[in-house]
Amino acid sequence: IDYKTGSDGVKVKPISKLFEISNTDNNGAIFQLLVYCFFYAYINNYKGDIQPYIYKLRTMSIENLPPIMVNGNVLNSYLDCADEFWQLFENMINEIFDESIPFIPTTNEKTCSYCSLIEICNKKKSEY
């Protein structure tokens, strides 16, 4: 469960979309929740189901708790997408630490306005 104050999305199609640098679908909270699920299960040697949810604080009093949707299906357990997500996650981490692959800043400038590491790209928040 993750509590969010913004307008985070609860749908992704397909899982690989979470790893696209140009993704503008506002579904980063799904990525974050799946990481939480994987590491909770790993640290606790837990093999069972974990169903991730996003509590949208802005709309909690007026809408039901929406399920996370992956490829149009309710994500009843992170295990339903575990293999694909973990492979993509591992590839992303390997790419980050591969010195032969240059760092390429996002082209989605809206993302920069929220980034605490914006100086690394030689950008200023005032530009956004």
Protein backbone atom coordinates (compact mmCIF):
# COMPACT_ATOMS: atom_id res chain seq x y z
CA ILE A 1 0.00 0.00 0.00
CA ASP A 2 1.27 3.42 -0.90
CA TYR A 3 -0.39 6.70 0.00
CA LYS A 4 -0.18 9.36 -2.71
CA THR A 5 -1.19 13.01 -2.69
CA GLY A 6 -0.94 13.49 -6.45
CA SER A 7 -2.86 12.13 -9.39
CA ASP A 8 -0.91 8.90 -9.78
CA GLY A 9 -2.24 6.44 -12.32
CA VAL A 10 -3.26 2.90 -11.46
CA LYS A 11 -3.05 1.43 -14.98
CA VAL A 12 -0.14 0.33 -17.12
CA LYS A 13 -0.14 -1.46 -20.44
CA PRO A 14 2.30 -3.21 -20.84
CA ILE A 15 4.70 -3.56 -17.85
CA SER A 16 7.61 -2.55 -20.07
CA LYS A 17 6.02 0.93 -20.29
CA LEU A 18 7.16 1.52 -16.69
CA PHE A 19 10.77 1.37 -17.90
CA GLU A 20 10.48 3.71 -20.89
CA ILE A 21 12.35 6.95 -20.33
CA SER A 22 9.77 8.81 -22.41
CA ASN A 23 6.79 7.43 -20.45
CA THR A 24 4.38 10.28 -19.65
CA ASP A 25 1.49 8.13 -18.39
CA ASN A 26 1.90 9.17 -14.73
CA ASN A 27 2.15 5.57 -13.54
CA GLY A 28 5.46 5.76 -11.67
CA ALA A 29 3.67 4.85 -8.45
CA ILE A 30 3.01 1.40 -9.91
CA PHE A 31 6.73 0.99 -10.50
CA GLN A 32 7.42 2.08 -6.91
CA LEU A 33 4.84 -0.32 -5.46
CA LEU A 34 6.17 -3.27 -7.42
CA VAL A 35 9.69 -2.52 -6.17
CA TYR A 36 8.30 -2.44 -2.60
CA CYS A 37 6.58 -5.80 -3.15
CA PHE A 38 9.70 -7.46 -4.53
CA PHE A 39 12.00 -6.26 -1.80
CA TYR A 40 9.52 -6.99 0.99
CA ALA A 41 9.17 -10.55 -0.31
CA TYR A 42 12.93 -10.92 -0.75
CA ILE A 43 13.91 -9.55 2.68
CA ASN A 44 11.26 -11.62 4.46
CA ASN A 45 11.66 -14.73 2.27
CA TYR A 46 7.93 -14.43 1.58
CA LYS A 47 6.61 -16.55 -1.30
CA GLY A 48 2.91 -15.65 -1.18
CA ASP A 49 0.73 -13.12 -2.91
CA ILE A 50 0.95 -9.40 -2.28
CA GLN A 51 -1.66 -7.19 -3.92
CA PRO A 52 -0.37 -3.65 -4.36
CA TYR A 53 -2.73 -0.68 -3.92
CA ILE A 54 -2.45 3.07 -4.22
CA TYR A 55 -4.45 5.14 -1.74
CA LYS A 56 -5.11 8.45 -3.45
CA LEU A 57 -5.52 10.83 -0.53
CA ARG A 58 -7.22 13.48 -2.67
CA THR A 59 -10.03 11.18 -3.72
CA MET A 60 -10.25 8.61 -0.91
CA SER A 61 -13.51 10.01 0.44
CA ILE A 62 -15.27 10.06 -2.93
CA GLU A 63 -14.08 6.98 -4.80
CA ASN A 64 -13.48 3.35 -4.02
CA LEU A 65 -9.96 2.02 -3.82
CA PRO A 66 -9.09 1.33 -7.47
CA PRO A 67 -7.08 -1.80 -8.19
CA ILE A 68 -3.79 -1.69 -10.04
CA MET A 69 -4.41 -2.71 -13.65
CA VAL A 70 -1.76 -4.35 -15.86
CA ASN A 71 -2.58 -5.05 -19.50
CA GLY A 72 -6.25 -4.44 -18.71
CA ASN A 73 -6.35 -7.01 -15.89
CA VAL A 74 -6.55 -6.48 -12.14
CA LEU A 75 -3.17 -7.15 -10.55
CA ASN A 76 -4.23 -9.55 -7.78
CA SER A 77 -0.64 -10.38 -6.92
CA TYR A 78 2.70 -8.88 -7.80
CA LEU A 79 3.68 -12.47 -8.68
CA ASP A 80 1.49 -12.13 -11.80
CA CYS A 81 4.10 -9.83 -13.35
CA ALA A 82 7.14 -10.75 -11.25
CA ASP A 83 9.29 -12.41 -13.89
CA GLU A 84 8.83 -9.71 -16.52
CA PHE A 85 9.17 -6.81 -14.07
CA TRP A 86 12.25 -8.21 -12.36
CA GLN A 87 14.02 -8.88 -15.68
CA LEU A 88 13.32 -5.31 -16.84
CA PHE A 89 14.37 -3.93 -13.44
CA GLU A 90 17.62 -5.88 -13.51
CA ASN A 91 18.34 -4.68 -17.06
CA MET A 92 17.72 -1.08 -15.98
CA ILE A 93 20.08 -1.34 -12.99
CA ASN A 94 22.76 -2.96 -15.14
CA GLU A 95 22.42 -0.15 -17.69
CA ILE A 96 22.73 2.52 -14.99
CA PHE A 97 26.04 1.06 -13.83
CA ASP A 98 27.39 0.29 -17.29
CA GLU A 99 30.04 2.94 -17.88
CA SER A 100 29.97 2.32 -21.63
CA ILE A 101 26.36 3.57 -21.83
CA PRO A 102 26.16 7.38 -21.60
CA PHE A 103 23.61 9.06 -19.37
CA ILE A 104 20.78 10.52 -21.46
CA PRO A 105 18.47 12.96 -19.68
CA THR A 106 14.75 12.60 -20.14
CA THR A 107 13.05 14.53 -22.90
CA ASN A 108 9.99 14.92 -20.69
CA GLU A 109 10.74 18.30 -19.18
CA LYS A 110 7.80 18.08 -16.77
CA THR A 111 9.73 15.34 -14.99
CA CYS A 112 12.61 17.77 -14.43
CA SER A 113 10.44 20.13 -12.42
CA TYR A 114 10.13 17.48 -9.67
CA CYS A 115 13.68 16.13 -9.76
CA SER A 116 15.97 16.77 -6.81
CA LEU A 117 19.01 15.91 -8.96
CA ILE A 118 18.27 18.44 -11.71
CA GLU A 119 21.68 20.07 -11.39
CA ILE A 120 23.36 16.92 -12.73
CA CYS A 121 21.81 17.69 -16.12
CA ASN A 122 22.81 21.37 -15.87
CA LYS A 123 19.19 22.47 -15.79
CA LYS A 124 17.51 24.90 -13.44
CA LYS A 125 14.08 24.47 -11.90
CA SER A 126 13.24 28.00 -13.00
CA GLU A 127 13.33 26.77 -16.61
CA TYR A 128 10.20 24.72 -15.90
